[in-house]
Amino acid sequence: VVWLRFLGHTVEYCDHVFLRNVGYILGLLVKIDEKTALCERGRFARICVLLDLNQLLQHSIQVEDFLHKI
């Protein structure tokens, strides 16, 4: 289980649906950071995800037309 931090800040990071979908794309979503969920964290968003460490770790994820750094 790891905490993933998305650098930068966009409105999507405060959206539970967006964060949940990203979490399940990367692995198994465990938790969304409370400060992120309340839009209180200004520079990044965090989610806790269960990852398979036998696979390569991703440094970014493409969602629609935007590349999000992790």
PDB file of N, CA and C in Angstrom:
ATOM      1  N   VAL A   1       0.858  -1.167   0.000  1.00  0.00           N
ATOM      2  CA  VAL A   1       0.000   0.000   0.000  1.00  0.00           C
ATOM      3  C   VAL A   1       0.902   1.228   0.000  1.00  0.00           C
ATOM      4  N   VAL A   2       0.639   2.155  -0.921  1.00  0.00           N
ATOM      5  CA  VAL A   2       1.447   3.382  -1.015  1.00  0.00           C
ATOM      6  C   VAL A   2       0.533   4.597  -1.166  1.00  0.00           C
ATOM      7  N   TRP A   3       1.039   5.738  -0.730  1.00  0.00           N
ATOM      8  CA  TRP A   3       0.366   7.008  -0.980  1.00  0.00           C
ATOM      9  C   TRP A   3       0.947   7.584  -2.250  1.00  0.00           C
ATOM     10  N   LEU A   4       0.085   7.905  -3.198  1.00  0.00           N
ATOM     11  CA  LEU A   4       0.509   8.527  -4.450  1.00  0.00           C
ATOM     12  C   LEU A   4       0.169  10.006  -4.397  1.00  0.00           C
ATOM     13  N   ARG A   5       1.096  10.828  -4.841  1.00  0.00           N
ATOM     14  CA  ARG A   5       0.891  12.273  -4.822  1.00  0.00           C
ATOM     15  C   ARG A   5       0.874  12.784  -6.251  1.00  0.00           C
ATOM     16  N   PHE A   6      -0.192  13.498  -6.593  1.00  0.00           N
ATOM     17  CA  PHE A   6      -0.326  14.116  -7.901  1.00  0.00           C
ATOM     18  C   PHE A   6       0.156  15.549  -7.786  1.00  0.00           C
ATOM     19  N   LEU A   7       1.233  15.874  -8.520  1.00  0.00           N
ATOM     20  CA  LEU A   7       1.817  17.211  -8.447  1.00  0.00           C
ATOM     21  C   LEU A   7       0.970  18.213  -9.204  1.00  0.00           C
ATOM     22  N   GLY A   8       1.060  19.472  -8.795  1.00  0.00           N
ATOM     23  CA  GLY A   8       0.246  20.511  -9.407  1.00  0.00           C
ATOM     24  C   GLY A   8      -1.125  20.482  -8.757  1.00  0.00           C
ATOM     25  N   HIS A   9      -2.007  21.337  -9.204  1.00  0.00           N
ATOM     26  CA  HIS A   9      -3.349  21.332  -8.622  1.00  0.00           C
ATOM     27  C   HIS A   9      -4.359  21.770  -9.661  1.00  0.00           C
ATOM     28  N   THR A  10      -5.307  20.900  -9.917  1.00  0.00           N
ATOM     29  CA  THR A  10      -6.403  21.238 -10.809  1.00  0.00           C
ATOM     30  C   THR A  10      -7.704  20.890 -10.107  1.00  0.00           C
ATOM     31  N   VAL A  11      -8.794  21.371 -10.614  1.00  0.00           N
ATOM     32  CA  VAL A  11     -10.103  21.149 -10.010  1.00  0.00           C
ATOM     33  C   VAL A  11     -10.438  19.667  -9.929  1.00  0.00           C
ATOM     34  N   GLU A  12      -9.966  18.864 -10.883  1.00  0.00           N
ATOM     35  CA  GLU A  12     -10.270  17.435 -10.878  1.00  0.00           C
ATOM     36  C   GLU A  12      -9.811  16.755  -9.599  1.00  0.00           C
ATOM     37  N   TYR A  13      -8.722  17.249  -9.002  1.00  0.00           N
ATOM     38  CA  TYR A  13      -8.165  16.604  -7.819  1.00  0.00           C
ATOM     39  C   TYR A  13      -9.110  16.651  -6.622  1.00  0.00           C
ATOM     40  N   CYS A  14     -10.067  17.545  -6.625  1.00  0.00           N
ATOM     41  CA  CYS A  14     -11.043  17.631  -5.537  1.00  0.00           C
ATOM     42  C   CYS A  14     -12.268  16.764  -5.807  1.00  0.00           C
ATOM     43  N   ASP A  15     -12.329  16.154  -6.950  1.00  0.00           N
ATOM     44  CA  ASP A  15     -13.486  15.367  -7.344  1.00  0.00           C
ATOM     45  C   ASP A  15     -13.279  13.902  -6.972  1.00  0.00           C
ATOM     46  N   HIS A  16     -14.151  13.371  -6.105  1.00  0.00           N
ATOM     47  CA  HIS A  16     -14.025  11.978  -5.655  1.00  0.00           C
ATOM     48  C   HIS A  16     -14.104  10.988  -6.813  1.00  0.00           C
ATOM     49  N   VAL A  17     -14.960  11.238  -7.780  1.00  0.00           N
ATOM     50  CA  VAL A  17     -15.111  10.319  -8.917  1.00  0.00           C
ATOM     51  C   VAL A  17     -13.803  10.245  -9.700  1.00  0.00           C
ATOM     52  N   PHE A  18     -13.197  11.390  -9.997  1.00  0.00           N
ATOM     53  CA  PHE A  18     -11.925  11.428 -10.722  1.00  0.00           C
ATOM     54  C   PHE A  18     -10.851  10.669  -9.946  1.00  0.00           C
ATOM     55  N   LEU A  19     -10.706  10.978  -8.657  1.00  0.00           N
ATOM     56  CA  LEU A  19      -9.663  10.340  -7.849  1.00  0.00           C
ATOM     57  C   LEU A  19      -9.903   8.845  -7.698  1.00  0.00           C
ATOM     58  N   ARG A  20     -11.149   8.443  -7.546  1.00  0.00           N
ATOM     59  CA  ARG A  20     -11.465   7.017  -7.431  1.00  0.00           C
ATOM     60  C   ARG A  20     -11.120   6.292  -8.729  1.00  0.00           C
ATOM     61  N   ASN A  21     -11.480   6.879  -9.868  1.00  0.00           N
ATOM     62  CA  ASN A  21     -11.172   6.257 -11.155  1.00  0.00           C
ATOM     63  C   ASN A  21      -9.670   6.127 -11.371  1.00  0.00           C
ATOM     64  N   VAL A  22      -8.919   7.167 -11.045  1.00  0.00           N
ATOM     65  CA  VAL A  22      -7.461   7.111 -11.188  1.00  0.00           C
ATOM     66  C   VAL A  22      -6.891   6.038 -10.268  1.00  0.00           C
ATOM     67  N   GLY A  23      -7.383   5.973  -9.050  1.00  0.00           N
ATOM     68  CA  GLY A  23      -6.901   4.957  -8.109  1.00  0.00           C
ATOM     69  C   GLY A  23      -7.099   3.551  -8.631  1.00  0.00           C
ATOM     70  N   TYR A  24      -8.258   3.279  -9.218  1.00  0.00           N
ATOM     71  CA  TYR A  24      -8.529   1.942  -9.744  1.00  0.00           C
ATOM     72  C   TYR A  24      -7.788   1.661 -11.043  1.00  0.00           C
ATOM     73  N   ILE A  25      -7.417   2.685 -11.793  1.00  0.00           N
ATOM     74  CA  ILE A  25      -6.576   2.483 -12.984  1.00  0.00           C
ATOM     75  C   ILE A  25      -5.183   2.028 -12.553  1.00  0.00           C
ATOM     76  N   LEU A  26      -4.675   2.622 -11.482  1.00  0.00           N
ATOM     77  CA  LEU A  26      -3.313   2.332 -11.025  1.00  0.00           C
ATOM     78  C   LEU A  26      -3.217   1.057 -10.195  1.00  0.00           C
ATOM     79  N   GLY A  27      -4.270   0.699  -9.500  1.00  0.00           N
ATOM     80  CA  GLY A  27      -4.253  -0.467  -8.618  1.00  0.00           C
ATOM     81  C   GLY A  27      -5.598  -0.592  -7.945  1.00  0.00           C
ATOM     82  N   LEU A  28      -5.584  -0.815  -6.636  1.00  0.00           N
ATOM     83  CA  LEU A  28      -6.813  -0.905  -5.851  1.00  0.00           C
ATOM     84  C   LEU A  28      -6.849   0.285  -4.900  1.00  0.00           C
ATOM     85  N   LEU A  29      -7.812   1.178  -5.078  1.00  0.00           N
ATOM     86  CA  LEU A  29      -7.921   2.366  -4.238  1.00  0.00           C
ATOM     87  C   LEU A  29      -8.267   1.961  -2.812  1.00  0.00           C
ATOM     88  N   VAL A  30      -7.491   2.472  -1.854  1.00  0.00           N
ATOM     89  CA  VAL A  30      -7.712   2.189  -0.448  1.00  0.00           C
ATOM     90  C   VAL A  30      -8.361   3.393   0.234  1.00  0.00           C
ATOM     91  N   LYS A  31      -7.837   4.599  -0.063  1.00  0.00           N
ATOM     92  CA  LYS A  31      -8.309   5.786   0.635  1.00  0.00           C
ATOM     93  C   LYS A  31      -7.956   7.033  -0.159  1.00  0.00           C
ATOM     94  N   ILE A  32      -8.807   8.053  -0.052  1.00  0.00           N
ATOM     95  CA  ILE A  32      -8.515   9.379  -0.597  1.00  0.00           C
ATOM     96  C   ILE A  32      -8.165  10.263   0.589  1.00  0.00           C
ATOM     97  N   ASP A  33      -7.055  10.985   0.491  1.00  0.00           N
ATOM     98  CA  ASP A  33      -6.609  11.862   1.562  1.00  0.00           C
ATOM     99  C   ASP A  33      -7.718  12.846   1.939  1.00  0.00           C
ATOM    100  N   GLU A  34      -8.002  12.989   3.228  1.00  0.00           N
ATOM    101  CA  GLU A  34      -9.090  13.845   3.704  1.00  0.00           C
ATOM    102  C   GLU A  34      -8.890  15.307   3.296  1.00  0.00           C
ATOM    103  N   LYS A  35      -7.675  15.808   3.391  1.00  0.00           N
ATOM    104  CA  LYS A  35      -7.393  17.204   3.006  1.00  0.00           C
ATOM    105  C   LYS A  35      -7.615  17.409   1.510  1.00  0.00           C
ATOM    106  N   THR A  36      -7.258  16.413   0.715  1.00  0.00           N
ATOM    107  CA  THR A  36      -7.493  16.485  -0.727  1.00  0.00           C
ATOM    108  C   THR A  36      -8.983  16.506  -1.010  1.00  0.00           C
ATOM    109  N   ALA A  37      -9.728  15.640  -0.346  1.00  0.00           N
ATOM    110  CA  ALA A  37     -11.163  15.539  -0.577  1.00  0.00           C
ATOM    111  C   ALA A  37     -11.896  16.828  -0.233  1.00  0.00           C
ATOM    112  N   LEU A  38     -11.358  17.577   0.732  1.00  0.00           N
ATOM    113  CA  LEU A  38     -11.980  18.836   1.141  1.00  0.00           C
ATOM    114  C   LEU A  38     -11.389  20.039   0.404  1.00  0.00           C
ATOM    115  N   CYS A  39     -10.491  19.784  -0.566  1.00  0.00           N
ATOM    116  CA  CYS A  39      -9.821  20.844  -1.341  1.00  0.00           C
ATOM    117  C   CYS A  39      -9.022  21.780  -0.444  1.00  0.00           C
ATOM    118  N   GLU A  40      -8.454  21.259   0.626  1.00  0.00           N
ATOM    119  CA  GLU A  40      -7.651  22.068   1.538  1.00  0.00           C
ATOM    120  C   GLU A  40      -6.162  21.991   1.219  1.00  0.00           C
ATOM    121  N   ARG A  41      -5.763  21.063   0.391  1.00  0.00           N
ATOM    122  CA  ARG A  41      -4.347  20.915   0.044  1.00  0.00           C
ATOM    123  C   ARG A  41      -4.143  21.604  -1.294  1.00  0.00           C
ATOM    124  N   GLY A  42      -3.299  22.619  -1.322  1.00  0.00           N
ATOM    125  CA  GLY A  42      -3.200  23.469  -2.492  1.00  0.00           C
ATOM    126  C   GLY A  42      -2.227  23.051  -3.570  1.00  0.00           C
ATOM    127  N   ARG A  43      -1.213  22.258  -3.267  1.00  0.00           N
ATOM    128  CA  ARG A  43      -0.176  21.973  -4.253  1.00  0.00           C
ATOM    129  C   ARG A  43      -0.243  20.581  -4.853  1.00  0.00           C
ATOM    130  N   PHE A  44      -0.932  19.668  -4.192  1.00  0.00           N
ATOM    131  CA  PHE A  44      -0.999  18.310  -4.696  1.00  0.00           C
ATOM    132  C   PHE A  44      -2.199  17.580  -4.099  1.00  0.00           C
ATOM    133  N   ALA A  45      -2.518  16.453  -4.695  1.00  0.00           N
ATOM    134  CA  ALA A  45      -3.577  15.581  -4.194  1.00  0.00           C
ATOM    135  C   ALA A  45      -2.948  14.237  -3.852  1.00  0.00           C
ATOM    136  N   ARG A  46      -3.527  13.525  -2.880  1.00  0.00           N
ATOM    137  CA  ARG A  46      -2.991  12.224  -2.487  1.00  0.00           C
ATOM    138  C   ARG A  46      -4.097  11.185  -2.436  1.00  0.00           C
ATOM    139  N   ILE A  47      -3.743   9.995  -2.908  1.00  0.00           N
ATOM    140  CA  ILE A  47      -4.619   8.842  -2.749  1.00  0.00           C
ATOM    141  C   ILE A  47      -3.761   7.665  -2.301  1.00  0.00           C
ATOM    142  N   CYS A  48      -4.362   6.771  -1.546  1.00  0.00           N
ATOM    143  CA  CYS A  48      -3.677   5.575  -1.080  1.00  0.00           C
ATOM    144  C   CYS A  48      -4.137   4.408  -1.956  1.00  0.00           C
ATOM    145  N   VAL A  49      -3.168   3.705  -2.546  1.00  0.00           N
ATOM    146  CA  VAL A  49      -3.472   2.657  -3.516  1.00  0.00           C
ATOM    147  C   VAL A  49      -2.647   1.410  -3.197  1.00  0.00           C
ATOM    148  N   LEU A  50      -3.294   0.258  -3.334  1.00  0.00           N
ATOM    149  CA  LEU A  50      -2.592  -1.015  -3.229  1.00  0.00           C
ATOM    150  C   LEU A  50      -2.034  -1.335  -4.607  1.00  0.00           C
ATOM    151  N   LEU A  51      -0.701  -1.404  -4.721  1.00  0.00           N
ATOM    152  CA  LEU A  51      -0.042  -1.647  -6.003  1.00  0.00           C
ATOM    153  C   LEU A  51       0.572  -3.033  -6.053  1.00  0.00           C
ATOM    154  N   ASP A  52       0.650  -3.589  -7.238  1.00  0.00           N
ATOM    155  CA  ASP A  52       1.363  -4.837  -7.476  1.00  0.00           C
ATOM    156  C   ASP A  52       2.805  -4.462  -7.786  1.00  0.00           C
ATOM    157  N   LEU A  53       3.710  -4.721  -6.848  1.00  0.00           N
ATOM    158  CA  LEU A  53       5.103  -4.321  -7.025  1.00  0.00           C
ATOM    159  C   LEU A  53       5.860  -5.208  -8.000  1.00  0.00           C
ATOM    160  N   ASN A  54       5.206  -6.237  -8.534  1.00  0.00           N
ATOM    161  CA  ASN A  54       5.815  -7.048  -9.586  1.00  0.00           C
ATOM    162  C   ASN A  54       5.687  -6.377 -10.942  1.00  0.00           C
ATOM    163  N   GLN A  55       4.885  -5.313 -11.014  1.00  0.00           N
ATOM    164  CA  GLN A  55       4.713  -4.562 -12.255  1.00  0.00           C
ATOM    165  C   GLN A  55       5.470  -3.234 -12.153  1.00  0.00           C
ATOM    166  N   LEU A  56       5.774  -2.640 -13.304  1.00  0.00           N
ATOM    167  CA  LEU A  56       6.459  -1.351 -13.320  1.00  0.00           C
ATOM    168  C   LEU A  56       5.574  -0.274 -12.706  1.00  0.00           C
ATOM    169  N   LEU A  57       6.199   0.636 -11.957  1.00  0.00           N
ATOM    170  CA  LEU A  57       5.463   1.755 -11.378  1.00  0.00           C
ATOM    171  C   LEU A  57       5.285   2.848 -12.420  1.00  0.00           C
ATOM    172  N   GLN A  58       4.129   3.481 -12.412  1.00  0.00           N
ATOM    173  CA  GLN A  58       3.858   4.555 -13.365  1.00  0.00           C
ATOM    174  C   GLN A  58       4.218   5.899 -12.740  1.00  0.00           C
ATOM    175  N   HIS A  59       4.816   6.771 -13.554  1.00  0.00           N
ATOM    176  CA  HIS A  59       5.183   8.113 -13.092  1.00  0.00           C
ATOM    177  C   HIS A  59       4.149   9.145 -13.495  1.00  0.00           C
ATOM    178  N   SER A  60       3.258   8.761 -14.389  1.00  0.00           N
ATOM    179  CA  SER A  60       2.196   9.661 -14.835  1.00  0.00           C
ATOM    180  C   SER A  60       1.046   8.819 -15.387  1.00  0.00           C
ATOM    181  N   ILE A  61      -0.095   9.477 -15.555  1.00  0.00           N
ATOM    182  CA  ILE A  61      -1.268   8.802 -16.096  1.00  0.00           C
ATOM    183  C   ILE A  61      -1.988   9.758 -17.032  1.00  0.00           C
ATOM    184  N   GLN A  62      -2.404   9.241 -18.171  1.00  0.00           N
ATOM    185  CA  GLN A  62      -3.125  10.024 -19.166  1.00  0.00           C
ATOM    186  C   GLN A  62      -4.623   9.920 -18.886  1.00  0.00           C
ATOM    187  N   VAL A  63      -5.274  11.042 -18.621  1.00  0.00           N
ATOM    188  CA  VAL A  63      -6.716  11.088 -18.421  1.00  0.00           C
ATOM    189  C   VAL A  63      -7.261  12.114 -19.395  1.00  0.00           C
ATOM    190  N   GLU A  64      -8.098  11.635 -20.297  1.00  0.00           N
ATOM    191  CA  GLU A  64      -8.609  12.435 -21.422  1.00  0.00           C
ATOM    192  C   GLU A  64      -7.402  12.993 -22.184  1.00  0.00           C
ATOM    193  N   ASP A  65      -7.257  14.299 -22.296  1.00  0.00           N
ATOM    194  CA  ASP A  65      -6.158  14.869 -23.077  1.00  0.00           C
ATOM    195  C   ASP A  65      -5.048  15.426 -22.190  1.00  0.00           C
ATOM    196  N   PHE A  66      -5.047  15.111 -20.915  1.00  0.00           N
ATOM    197  CA  PHE A  66      -4.089  15.719 -20.009  1.00  0.00           C
ATOM    198  C   PHE A  66      -3.244  14.650 -19.332  1.00  0.00           C
ATOM    199  N   LEU A  67      -1.944  14.893 -19.249  1.00  0.00           N
ATOM    200  CA  LEU A  67      -1.018  13.990 -18.585  1.00  0.00           C
ATOM    201  C   LEU A  67      -0.838  14.444 -17.137  1.00  0.00           C
ATOM    202  N   HIS A  68      -1.204  13.595 -16.171  1.00  0.00           N
ATOM    203  CA  HIS A  68      -1.087  13.911 -14.747  1.00  0.00           C
ATOM    204  C   HIS A  68       0.148  13.229 -14.192  1.00  0.00           C
ATOM    205  N   LYS A  69       1.076  14.008 -13.607  1.00  0.00           N
ATOM    206  CA  LYS A  69       2.269  13.443 -12.981  1.00  0.00           C
ATOM    207  C   LYS A  69       1.924  12.917 -11.611  1.00  0.00           C
ATOM    208  N   ILE A  70       2.537  11.784 -11.279  1.00  0.00           N
ATOM    209  CA  ILE A  70       2.302  11.152  -9.970  1.00  0.00           C
ATOM    210  C   ILE A  70       3.579  11.278  -9.148  1.00  0.00           C
TER     211      ILE A  70
END
